[in-house]
Every structure is written in structure tokens, then in C-alpha cells.
């Protein structure tokens, strides 16, 4: 069974406050991501300063060190062979897409399955084999912190837009919140096809 880690330890500098606690409908941004992951995995771990009651969380030793550092630390905290890695500021994650990422990572020959949108690879809506830890740690020792750099070093299966739209027709899963206006825009979109 796969595990899920939710990266929620960023500085939220553009948001102006701790965005993981921002309300989205009747819940928070972080709780939305937890709910999506919990439907598919037995273990959910938040990498960040808090989590709602019933969800484990841990603060990484080097906060704000970037996603490669957060990914490496997350992989040391779980034992599952496949790990769904999600950003905590994506409130519209689609379980069907997440389930397919896990399936491809479990059954395929690649150690990472990463969707690609018009904005490029989406490494924080992706699934990784636990073995990626050694590559991430090696990069960090070399002073490299680019997620795209990591993906170029490992056997990555990129999921094309045509493929992922089968499981997330509107691309909801890739919409993130960086600013209060982003949050307002997503809340405006929700009534057109997604229940909060």
C-alpha cells in the first residue's frame, strides 16, 4: 500500500499568512489535500508545522530548504515503497488521478510518475518510488535543489495532458494557491463543477 506525504512547510510569503490554514469552503487548504490522499492510502504524513487532529505531521530539520530537501526528508519518514507526494496548497486534487499515479508507479518500470501541464512537469502532484531517496540525498550533498534536476536524473515517466485528462478532465488537481487572489479565484470556480 502506498503512503502519501503532503508538503506544507513553505513560507507562504506571497499569501501573507500561513496559507495551509486558509479556509476553503468549510475546511482548510491543508485538510482538503489530506482528505484526497486519505481516500487512497493508509498512511498520510504532513511535512509542516501542523496538521489537523488524527493526521501525523513532522517539521523538517531544515525548513524552507526547497522541495528536493522536503522530498528527501519525507521519504525518510515513511516506509511504503510508493509514495504519493502532494503540495498542501492544491485544494482540488482529484482522487482518480492520484490513484492512477500510484498504479503507474507501482506497476511500471519508472521510479517517478509525474504529470506534465502547459506549465511543465508537476513534481508535487506525483508518485515516487522510495528508492528515489538516494538520488535526492546525493543531489543535496552536491548543493543541487532543483526538482526538475532530480527528475532528469531518475527514471521518470511523464504523464501527458492527454493521459491525465482521462482522470482529471479540467486539470483541477494542478491549481494551487499562492496569493489570496488565487484562493478567491478557485472559490469562484468551485460552484461550476466541484463541491468543496
Protein backbone atom coordinates (compact mmCIF):
# COMPACT_ATOMS: atom_id res chain seq x y z
CA UNK A 1 0.00 0.00 0.00
CA UNK A 2 1.29 3.45 -0.89
CA UNK A 3 1.82 6.25 1.57
CA UNK A 4 1.15 9.93 0.99
CA UNK A 5 3.20 12.88 2.14
CA UNK A 6 1.85 16.40 1.92
CA UNK A 7 4.41 19.19 1.77
CA UNK A 8 3.10 22.10 3.76
CA UNK A 9 6.13 23.80 5.24
CA UNK A 10 6.66 26.71 2.88
CA UNK A 11 6.98 30.33 3.93
CA UNK A 12 3.66 31.48 2.38
CA UNK A 13 5.39 34.81 1.70
CA UNK A 14 3.11 35.75 -1.20
CA UNK A 15 0.00 34.73 0.71
CA UNK A 16 0.75 36.95 3.69
CA UNK A 17 -0.20 34.40 6.35
CA UNK A 18 0.03 30.64 6.87
CA UNK A 19 -1.93 29.57 3.84
CA UNK A 20 -2.32 25.93 4.90
CA UNK A 21 -4.82 27.20 7.48
CA UNK A 22 -6.73 29.34 4.96
CA UNK A 23 -10.40 28.43 4.69
CA UNK A 24 -11.65 26.72 1.56
CA UNK A 25 -15.36 26.19 1.88
CA UNK A 26 -15.96 24.61 5.26
CA UNK A 27 -12.39 23.32 5.68
CA UNK A 28 -8.77 24.42 5.18
CA UNK A 29 -6.44 24.09 2.21
CA UNK A 30 -4.33 21.51 4.04
CA UNK A 31 -7.34 19.47 5.12
CA UNK A 32 -8.52 19.32 1.52
CA UNK A 33 -5.25 17.70 0.45
CA UNK A 34 -5.34 15.31 3.40
CA UNK A 35 -8.86 14.21 2.53
CA UNK A 36 -7.90 13.45 -1.08
CA UNK A 37 -4.84 11.44 -0.02
CA UNK A 38 -6.60 9.59 2.78
CA UNK A 39 -9.06 8.08 0.34
CA UNK A 40 -6.21 6.23 -1.38
CA UNK A 41 -3.52 5.48 1.20
CA UNK A 42 -3.36 4.04 4.69
CA UNK A 43 -0.60 6.41 5.79
CA UNK A 44 -0.71 10.19 5.37
CA UNK A 45 2.08 12.35 6.73
CA UNK A 46 2.22 16.14 6.62
CA UNK A 47 5.64 17.75 6.35
CA UNK A 48 4.98 21.06 8.04
CA UNK A 49 4.30 22.83 11.32
CA UNK A 50 0.80 21.49 11.95
CA UNK A 51 -1.90 19.06 10.88
CA UNK A 52 -5.48 18.54 11.97
CA UNK A 53 -6.15 16.07 14.75
CA UNK A 54 -5.75 12.49 13.58
CA UNK A 55 -3.07 13.24 10.97
CA UNK A 56 0.62 12.81 11.71
CA UNK A 57 2.96 15.68 10.96
CA UNK A 58 6.64 16.43 11.34
CA UNK A 59 8.73 19.53 10.77
CA UNK A 60 11.75 19.02 8.55
CA UNK A 61 15.09 19.87 10.18
CA UNK A 62 15.89 22.48 7.52
CA UNK A 63 12.72 24.41 6.87
CA UNK A 64 12.37 26.38 3.63
CA UNK A 65 15.12 24.32 2.02
CA UNK A 66 13.15 23.69 -1.14
CA UNK A 67 11.14 20.74 -2.49
CA UNK A 68 14.08 18.35 -3.04
CA UNK A 69 15.08 18.67 0.59
CA UNK A 70 11.47 18.29 1.69
CA UNK A 71 11.04 15.25 -0.56
CA UNK A 72 14.20 13.59 0.75
CA UNK A 73 13.17 14.20 4.35
CA UNK A 74 9.65 12.94 3.65
CA UNK A 75 10.97 9.70 2.22
CA UNK A 76 12.96 9.07 5.40
CA UNK A 77 9.73 9.30 7.40
CA UNK A 78 7.68 6.64 5.59
CA UNK A 79 8.38 3.02 4.75
CA UNK A 80 5.97 2.38 1.86
CA UNK A 81 7.58 1.53 -1.46
CA UNK A 82 5.43 4.01 -3.38
CA UNK A 83 4.87 7.50 -2.02
CA UNK A 84 2.35 9.99 -3.31
CA UNK A 85 3.85 13.46 -2.92
CA UNK A 86 1.43 16.37 -2.87
CA UNK A 87 1.65 20.08 -2.24
CA UNK A 88 -0.60 21.22 0.57
CA UNK A 89 -1.88 24.21 -1.39
CA UNK A 90 -3.73 22.22 -4.07
CA UNK A 91 -7.31 22.10 -2.75
CA UNK A 92 -8.91 20.44 -5.79
CA UNK A 93 -6.91 17.23 -6.06
CA UNK A 94 -8.80 14.53 -7.94
CA UNK A 95 -8.64 11.06 -6.34
CA UNK A 96 -8.98 9.31 -9.72
CA UNK A 97 -5.80 10.98 -10.95
CA UNK A 98 -3.94 10.27 -7.72
CA UNK A 99 -4.97 6.62 -7.88
CA UNK A 100 -3.63 6.37 -11.43
CA UNK A 101 -0.30 7.92 -10.39
CA UNK A 102 0.04 5.26 -7.70
CA UNK A 103 -0.92 2.49 -10.12
CA UNK A 104 1.60 3.55 -12.75
CA UNK A 105 4.37 3.94 -10.18
CA UNK A 106 3.59 0.53 -8.67
CA UNK A 107 3.23 -1.41 -11.91
CA UNK A 108 5.66 0.38 -14.23
CA UNK A 109 9.41 0.43 -14.62
CA UNK A 110 9.85 4.07 -13.63
CA UNK A 111 10.66 5.35 -10.15
CA UNK A 112 8.61 8.52 -10.59
CA UNK A 113 5.35 9.29 -12.37
CA UNK A 114 4.87 13.00 -12.99
CA UNK A 115 2.08 14.73 -14.93
CA UNK A 116 3.04 17.46 -17.39
CA UNK A 117 0.85 20.51 -17.95
CA UNK A 118 1.32 23.61 -20.09
CA UNK A 119 3.43 24.93 -17.19
CA UNK A 120 5.78 21.94 -17.30
CA UNK A 121 6.21 18.91 -15.02
CA UNK A 122 4.18 18.85 -11.80
CA UNK A 123 6.52 17.11 -9.33
CA UNK A 124 4.31 17.93 -6.33
CA UNK A 125 1.31 16.10 -7.74
CA UNK A 126 3.26 12.94 -8.41
CA UNK A 127 4.20 9.49 -7.15
CA UNK A 128 7.72 8.30 -6.33
CA UNK A 129 9.36 5.01 -5.51
CA UNK A 130 11.09 5.06 -2.13
CA UNK A 131 14.42 4.37 -3.89
CA UNK A 132 14.42 7.98 -5.13
CA UNK A 133 15.68 8.92 -1.67
CA UNK A 134 19.29 8.05 -2.51
CA UNK A 135 19.27 10.26 -5.62
CA UNK A 136 17.70 13.16 -3.76
CA UNK A 137 20.24 12.89 -0.94
CA UNK A 138 23.11 12.81 -3.43
CA UNK A 139 21.79 15.96 -5.10
CA UNK A 140 21.56 17.74 -1.77
CA UNK A 141 25.15 16.81 -0.92
CA UNK A 142 26.16 18.39 -4.22
CA UNK A 143 24.24 21.56 -3.38
CA UNK A 144 21.55 20.95 -6.00
CA UNK A 145 17.91 21.59 -5.10
CA UNK A 146 16.05 21.60 -8.42
CA UNK A 147 13.13 19.18 -8.66
CA UNK A 148 13.45 19.18 -12.43
CA UNK A 149 17.11 18.33 -11.96
CA UNK A 150 16.11 15.37 -9.83
CA UNK A 151 13.58 14.17 -12.39
CA UNK A 152 16.23 14.30 -15.10
CA UNK A 153 18.49 12.00 -13.04
CA UNK A 154 15.97 9.27 -12.33
CA UNK A 155 13.73 7.04 -14.43
CA UNK A 156 10.74 9.35 -14.69
CA UNK A 157 7.53 8.55 -16.52
CA UNK A 158 5.93 11.76 -17.66
CA UNK A 159 2.14 11.67 -17.93
CA UNK A 160 0.97 13.72 -20.90
CA UNK A 161 -2.01 16.04 -20.80
CA UNK A 162 -3.95 13.64 -22.99
CA UNK A 163 -3.32 10.89 -20.43
CA UNK A 164 -4.08 12.83 -17.25
CA UNK A 165 -7.21 14.46 -18.61
CA UNK A 166 -8.77 10.99 -18.66
CA UNK A 167 -8.68 11.16 -14.86
CA UNK A 168 -8.96 14.92 -14.29
CA UNK A 169 -10.73 16.43 -17.28
CA UNK A 170 -10.46 20.04 -16.08
CA UNK A 171 -6.97 19.91 -14.57
CA UNK A 172 -8.35 20.74 -11.12
CA UNK A 173 -5.51 18.89 -9.39
CA UNK A 174 -2.86 21.30 -10.63
CA UNK A 175 -4.50 24.52 -9.43
CA UNK A 176 -2.58 25.87 -6.47
CA UNK A 177 -2.89 28.82 -4.14
CA UNK A 178 -0.02 31.31 -3.89
CA UNK A 179 -1.93 34.50 -3.10
CA UNK A 180 -5.28 35.48 -1.58
CA UNK A 181 -6.50 36.32 -5.08
CA UNK A 182 -5.67 32.75 -6.20
CA UNK A 183 -7.81 31.46 -3.34
CA UNK A 184 -10.70 33.75 -4.26
CA UNK A 185 -10.48 32.66 -7.90
CA UNK A 186 -10.59 28.95 -7.01
CA UNK A 187 -13.53 29.50 -4.69
CA UNK A 188 -15.27 31.30 -7.55
CA UNK A 189 -14.66 28.34 -9.85
CA UNK A 190 -15.84 25.69 -7.42
CA UNK A 191 -19.62 26.02 -7.93
CA UNK A 192 -19.17 25.32 -11.65
CA UNK A 193 -18.19 21.73 -11.09
CA UNK A 194 -16.55 20.83 -7.81
CA UNK A 195 -18.03 20.51 -4.35
CA UNK A 196 -15.86 21.93 -1.55
